[in-house]
Amino acid sequence: IHKTFFDKKEDWQVKGWGKTKEVEALPSSVHESDQIRFTIRQGTLVFHKTNFAPAGELYLSAENYFPPGESFDSKTDVLPFAVYAQDRILKAKDETSKKILRNLPFARRGYVFKSKDLRDYYSNIDWYEADPKYIPEPKNLTPEEQKWLKELK
């Protein structure tokens, strides 16, 4: 959410499982204002402010774009958190990238990876949050994720 009508991330509360990150607008960016990036695995986002008089518009953006037809390269690409965006990603540039792709649904749920390459990749993704209590069960994935995993093989 762009800082167009609020000043600080403390005005927002994630109720449930999620995290926030402040992102500064860069001169080369298409976004003109600083942002607060929210990743919510489960729950809601609530805005709290007293004597609220907005100075700007509410502006939301989602950075879940992946070019259709492109091969995923773990050295340069960032995987989206959103399930709906995964349908564009069906090819991997190399075996490491394919391994990272196959583990995307489990990373969304916070699986703590034992493999160094998976741990290194996902620990650098801002939406990833480790959940030591999560036990991966492929049958508990969404139907979309199960279908996508079958298409990846």
Protein backbone atom coordinates (compact mmCIF):
# COMPACT_ATOMS: atom_id res chain seq x y z
CA ILE A 1 0.00 0.00 0.00
CA HIS A 2 1.49 3.30 -1.03
CA LYS A 3 2.01 5.97 1.62
CA THR A 4 -0.42 8.33 -0.06
CA PHE A 5 -2.70 8.97 2.92
CA PHE A 6 -0.82 7.64 5.95
CA ASP A 7 2.63 8.16 7.41
CA LYS A 8 3.73 5.07 9.30
CA LYS A 9 3.26 1.34 9.28
CA GLU A 10 2.12 1.42 12.91
CA ASP A 11 -1.22 2.78 11.60
CA TRP A 12 -1.82 -0.72 10.22
CA GLN A 13 -2.32 -3.98 12.06
CA VAL A 14 -2.03 -7.48 10.63
CA LYS A 15 -4.55 -9.63 12.48
CA GLY A 16 -3.40 -13.17 11.93
CA TRP A 17 -0.20 -14.46 10.36
CA GLY A 18 1.70 -11.94 8.27
CA LYS A 19 4.42 -9.33 8.18
CA THR A 20 5.17 -5.83 6.99
CA LYS A 21 8.11 -4.24 5.25
CA GLU A 22 8.81 -0.60 4.43
CA VAL A 23 9.81 0.01 0.81
CA GLU A 24 11.29 3.30 -0.38
CA ALA A 25 10.39 4.60 -3.83
CA LEU A 26 13.40 4.63 -6.11
CA PRO A 27 13.95 7.30 -8.78
CA SER A 28 13.82 4.58 -11.45
CA SER A 29 10.59 3.07 -10.08
CA VAL A 30 7.15 3.40 -11.63
CA HIS A 31 5.85 4.10 -8.11
CA GLU A 32 6.13 7.70 -6.97
CA SER A 33 5.67 7.18 -3.23
CA ASP A 34 7.11 5.03 -0.48
CA GLN A 35 5.15 1.89 0.37
CA ILE A 36 4.41 -0.56 3.12
CA ARG A 37 4.47 -4.10 1.78
CA PHE A 38 2.12 -6.47 3.58
CA THR A 39 2.28 -10.22 3.23
CA ILE A 40 -0.66 -11.95 4.88
CA ARG A 41 -0.65 -15.71 4.91
CA GLN A 42 -3.82 -15.90 6.97
CA GLY A 43 -5.85 -13.09 8.50
CA THR A 44 -6.82 -9.51 7.77
CA LEU A 45 -5.29 -6.07 7.55
CA VAL A 46 -6.81 -3.26 9.64
CA PHE A 47 -6.15 0.51 9.48
CA HIS A 48 -6.38 2.44 12.79
CA LYS A 49 -6.31 6.22 12.95
CA THR A 50 -8.09 8.81 15.08
CA ASN A 51 -9.11 12.19 13.66
CA PHE A 52 -8.43 10.80 10.22
CA ALA A 53 -8.41 13.31 7.36
CA PRO A 54 -6.90 11.71 4.25
CA ALA A 55 -4.49 13.83 2.25
CA GLY A 56 -4.36 11.38 -0.66
CA GLU A 57 -6.02 8.38 -2.25
CA LEU A 58 -5.74 4.76 -1.19
CA TYR A 59 -3.42 3.14 -3.73
CA LEU A 60 -2.86 -0.61 -3.73
CA SER A 61 -0.55 -2.54 -5.97
CA ALA A 62 0.44 -6.18 -6.16
CA GLU A 63 3.84 -7.23 -7.39
CA ASN A 64 2.89 -10.68 -8.57
CA TYR A 65 3.78 -10.30 -12.21
CA PHE A 66 5.72 -12.95 -14.08
CA PRO A 67 6.01 -12.66 -17.88
CA PRO A 68 3.98 -15.41 -19.62
CA GLY A 69 6.09 -17.93 -21.49
CA GLU A 70 9.30 -17.08 -19.63
CA SER A 71 11.40 -19.69 -17.87
CA PHE A 72 11.94 -19.14 -14.16
CA ASP A 73 15.58 -18.48 -13.26
CA SER A 74 16.29 -18.64 -9.53
CA LYS A 75 19.38 -16.46 -9.98
CA THR A 76 17.40 -13.45 -11.20
CA ASP A 77 13.64 -13.99 -10.68
CA VAL A 78 11.45 -13.54 -7.62
CA LEU A 79 8.51 -15.89 -7.25
CA PRO A 80 5.11 -14.34 -6.49
CA PHE A 81 3.23 -15.17 -3.31
CA ALA A 82 -0.18 -15.19 -5.03
CA VAL A 83 -1.50 -18.56 -6.18
CA TYR A 84 -3.23 -17.04 -9.22
CA ALA A 85 0.10 -15.76 -10.56
CA GLN A 86 1.76 -19.20 -10.58
CA ASP A 87 -0.05 -20.35 -13.75
CA ARG A 88 2.34 -18.22 -15.82
CA ILE A 89 5.34 -20.10 -14.42
CA LEU A 90 5.55 -23.59 -15.89
CA LYS A 91 9.15 -23.81 -17.03
CA ALA A 92 12.44 -23.62 -15.17
CA LYS A 93 15.78 -22.57 -16.60
CA ASP A 94 17.75 -25.24 -14.71
CA GLU A 95 17.35 -28.04 -12.14
CA THR A 96 17.86 -25.76 -9.14
CA SER A 97 15.17 -23.40 -10.43
CA LYS A 98 12.83 -26.36 -10.97
CA LYS A 99 13.43 -27.57 -7.41
CA ILE A 100 12.61 -24.08 -6.11
CA LEU A 101 9.42 -23.99 -8.19
CA ARG A 102 8.25 -27.39 -6.92
CA ASN A 103 8.61 -26.13 -3.36
CA LEU A 104 6.74 -22.83 -3.85
CA PRO A 105 3.42 -24.03 -2.33
CA PHE A 106 5.26 -25.22 0.77
CA ALA A 107 7.26 -21.98 1.04
CA ARG A 108 3.98 -20.03 1.05
CA ARG A 109 3.05 -21.91 4.22
CA GLY A 110 6.43 -21.38 5.87
CA TYR A 111 8.08 -24.76 5.45
CA VAL A 112 11.55 -24.70 6.99
CA PHE A 113 13.77 -26.09 4.25
CA LYS A 114 16.60 -28.48 5.03
CA SER A 115 18.17 -28.09 1.60
CA LYS A 116 20.70 -25.22 1.50
CA ASP A 117 19.72 -24.01 -1.99
CA LEU A 118 16.02 -23.84 -1.06
CA ARG A 119 16.78 -22.20 2.28
CA ASP A 120 19.08 -19.64 0.62
CA TYR A 121 16.55 -18.75 -2.08
CA TYR A 122 13.42 -18.49 0.06
CA SER A 123 15.10 -16.72 3.00
CA ASN A 124 15.79 -13.84 0.58
CA ILE A 125 12.16 -13.57 -0.58
CA ASP A 126 10.39 -10.86 1.43
CA TRP A 127 7.06 -12.73 1.67
CA TYR A 128 8.62 -15.92 3.05
CA GLU A 129 8.25 -16.46 6.78
CA ALA A 130 9.45 -19.71 8.34
CA ASP A 131 6.93 -21.66 10.40
CA PRO A 132 8.65 -24.49 12.29
CA LYS A 133 5.22 -25.97 13.14
CA TYR A 134 4.20 -26.43 9.50
CA ILE A 135 4.26 -30.04 8.28
CA PRO A 136 4.04 -30.32 4.48
CA GLU A 137 1.14 -32.43 3.24
CA PRO A 138 0.60 -32.28 -0.53
CA LYS A 139 -3.06 -33.29 -0.05
CA ASN A 140 -3.62 -30.08 1.97
CA LEU A 141 -2.54 -27.82 -0.89
CA THR A 142 -5.24 -25.98 -2.82
CA PRO A 143 -6.60 -27.74 -5.94
CA GLU A 144 -4.88 -25.04 -8.04
CA GLU A 145 -1.52 -25.75 -6.42
CA GLN A 146 -1.92 -29.52 -6.81
CA LYS A 147 -2.76 -29.11 -10.51
CA TRP A 148 0.16 -26.74 -11.03
CA LEU A 149 2.61 -29.17 -9.39
CA LYS A 150 1.44 -31.96 -11.71
CA GLU A 151 2.00 -29.72 -14.74
CA LEU A 152 5.55 -28.89 -13.57
CA LYS A 153 6.75 -32.50 -13.66
